[in-house]
N, C-alpha and C. Protein backbone atom coordinates (compact mmCIF):
# COMPACT_ATOMS: atom_id res chain seq x y z
N UNK A 1 -14.11 4.94 8.48
CA UNK A 1 -12.67 5.12 8.49
C UNK A 1 -12.24 5.60 7.10
N UNK A 2 -11.35 6.56 7.07
CA UNK A 2 -10.87 7.07 5.79
C UNK A 2 -9.76 6.18 5.24
N UNK A 3 -9.54 6.31 3.95
CA UNK A 3 -8.47 5.55 3.30
C UNK A 3 -7.12 5.86 3.95
N UNK A 4 -6.87 7.14 4.17
CA UNK A 4 -5.60 7.55 4.76
C UNK A 4 -5.41 6.94 6.15
N UNK A 5 -6.46 6.96 6.95
CA UNK A 5 -6.36 6.42 8.31
C UNK A 5 -6.10 4.92 8.29
N UNK A 6 -6.66 4.24 7.31
CA UNK A 6 -6.50 2.79 7.24
C UNK A 6 -5.16 2.39 6.64
N UNK A 7 -4.66 3.15 5.69
CA UNK A 7 -3.50 2.72 4.92
C UNK A 7 -2.17 3.35 5.32
N UNK A 8 -2.18 4.61 5.71
CA UNK A 8 -0.92 5.28 6.00
C UNK A 8 -0.08 4.61 7.08
N UNK A 9 -0.68 4.03 8.12
CA UNK A 9 0.16 3.36 9.12
C UNK A 9 0.97 2.19 8.55
N UNK A 10 0.58 1.68 7.39
CA UNK A 10 1.24 0.52 6.80
C UNK A 10 2.18 0.88 5.65
N UNK A 11 2.25 2.14 5.29
CA UNK A 11 3.01 2.56 4.13
C UNK A 11 4.50 2.24 4.27
N UNK A 12 5.10 2.56 5.40
CA UNK A 12 6.53 2.29 5.57
C UNK A 12 6.84 0.80 5.51
N UNK A 13 6.00 0.00 6.14
CA UNK A 13 6.22 -1.45 6.12
C UNK A 13 6.09 -2.00 4.71
N UNK A 14 5.10 -1.52 3.96
CA UNK A 14 4.92 -1.96 2.58
C UNK A 14 6.13 -1.58 1.74
N UNK A 15 6.61 -0.38 1.92
CA UNK A 15 7.77 0.08 1.15
C UNK A 15 9.02 -0.71 1.53
N UNK A 16 9.23 -0.93 2.81
CA UNK A 16 10.40 -1.70 3.24
C UNK A 16 10.37 -3.13 2.71
N UNK A 17 9.21 -3.75 2.73
CA UNK A 17 9.08 -5.11 2.21
C UNK A 17 9.36 -5.13 0.71
N UNK A 18 8.78 -4.20 -0.02
CA UNK A 18 9.00 -4.15 -1.47
C UNK A 18 10.46 -3.90 -1.79
N UNK A 19 11.10 -3.01 -1.05
CA UNK A 19 12.52 -2.73 -1.29
C UNK A 19 13.38 -3.95 -0.99
N UNK A 20 13.04 -4.68 0.06
CA UNK A 20 13.79 -5.89 0.42
C UNK A 20 13.60 -6.98 -0.64
N UNK A 21 12.37 -7.14 -1.10
CA UNK A 21 12.09 -8.18 -2.10
C UNK A 21 12.69 -7.85 -3.47
N UNK A 22 12.59 -6.59 -3.86
CA UNK A 22 12.99 -6.20 -5.22
C UNK A 22 14.44 -5.74 -5.32
N UNK A 23 15.01 -5.33 -4.20
CA UNK A 23 16.39 -4.85 -4.16
C UNK A 23 16.63 -3.65 -5.10
N UNK A 24 15.58 -2.86 -5.30
CA UNK A 24 15.68 -1.71 -6.17
C UNK A 24 14.69 -0.66 -5.69
N UNK A 25 15.18 0.52 -5.36
CA UNK A 25 14.34 1.57 -4.78
C UNK A 25 13.22 2.01 -5.72
N UNK A 26 13.56 2.25 -6.97
CA UNK A 26 12.54 2.73 -7.92
C UNK A 26 11.46 1.67 -8.15
N UNK A 27 11.86 0.42 -8.30
CA UNK A 27 10.87 -0.65 -8.47
C UNK A 27 9.99 -0.78 -7.23
N UNK A 28 10.58 -0.63 -6.05
CA UNK A 28 9.82 -0.72 -4.81
C UNK A 28 8.78 0.40 -4.75
N UNK A 29 9.18 1.60 -5.10
CA UNK A 29 8.24 2.72 -5.10
C UNK A 29 7.10 2.48 -6.09
N UNK A 30 7.44 1.95 -7.25
CA UNK A 30 6.41 1.67 -8.27
C UNK A 30 5.42 0.62 -7.78
N UNK A 31 5.93 -0.44 -7.17
CA UNK A 31 5.06 -1.52 -6.69
C UNK A 31 4.13 -1.02 -5.58
N UNK A 32 4.67 -0.27 -4.65
CA UNK A 32 3.84 0.25 -3.55
C UNK A 32 2.81 1.24 -4.09
N UNK A 33 3.21 2.08 -5.02
CA UNK A 33 2.25 3.02 -5.61
C UNK A 33 1.12 2.27 -6.30
N UNK A 34 1.45 1.26 -7.06
CA UNK A 34 0.42 0.47 -7.75
C UNK A 34 -0.50 -0.23 -6.75
N UNK A 35 0.08 -0.79 -5.70
CA UNK A 35 -0.72 -1.49 -4.69
C UNK A 35 -1.67 -0.52 -3.98
N UNK A 36 -1.18 0.65 -3.63
CA UNK A 36 -2.02 1.62 -2.93
C UNK A 36 -3.10 2.19 -3.86
N UNK A 37 -2.78 2.33 -5.14
CA UNK A 37 -3.79 2.79 -6.10
C UNK A 37 -4.89 1.75 -6.23
N UNK A 38 -4.53 0.49 -6.32
CA UNK A 38 -5.53 -0.57 -6.40
C UNK A 38 -6.37 -0.62 -5.12
N UNK A 39 -5.72 -0.46 -3.98
CA UNK A 39 -6.45 -0.45 -2.71
C UNK A 39 -7.42 0.74 -2.66
N UNK A 40 -6.97 1.89 -3.12
CA UNK A 40 -7.82 3.09 -3.12
C UNK A 40 -9.06 2.88 -3.98
N UNK A 41 -8.87 2.27 -5.13
CA UNK A 41 -10.00 2.03 -6.04
C UNK A 41 -11.01 1.05 -5.45
N UNK A 42 -10.54 0.15 -4.60
CA UNK A 42 -11.42 -0.88 -4.02
C UNK A 42 -11.88 -0.54 -2.61
N UNK A 43 -11.44 0.57 -2.08
CA UNK A 43 -11.66 0.87 -0.67
C UNK A 43 -13.13 1.02 -0.30
N UNK A 44 -13.95 1.43 -1.22
CA UNK A 44 -15.37 1.62 -0.89
C UNK A 44 -16.04 0.32 -0.49
N UNK A 45 -15.51 -0.82 -0.91
CA UNK A 45 -16.06 -2.11 -0.53
C UNK A 45 -15.48 -2.68 0.75
N UNK A 46 -14.53 -1.98 1.34
CA UNK A 46 -13.88 -2.43 2.58
C UNK A 46 -14.69 -1.97 3.78
N UNK A 47 -14.98 -2.90 4.68
CA UNK A 47 -15.80 -2.58 5.86
C UNK A 47 -15.04 -2.76 7.17
N UNK A 48 -13.76 -3.07 7.09
CA UNK A 48 -12.97 -3.24 8.30
C UNK A 48 -13.08 -4.61 8.92
N UNK A 49 -13.95 -5.44 8.38
CA UNK A 49 -14.11 -6.79 8.93
C UNK A 49 -13.76 -7.85 7.90
N UNK A 50 -13.43 -7.43 6.69
CA UNK A 50 -13.13 -8.41 5.65
C UNK A 50 -11.72 -8.27 5.14
């Protein structure tokens, strides 16, 4: 499974949650970008079962 296939379906939900928690659009975008970057860096160790 590719990173895009695994993560893109959750992007809107992650952004909406961050925006709701932070109450600031720019901060929400920054948090989601950082989270997705960290996920991308660690994705090679993801096997879909962990």
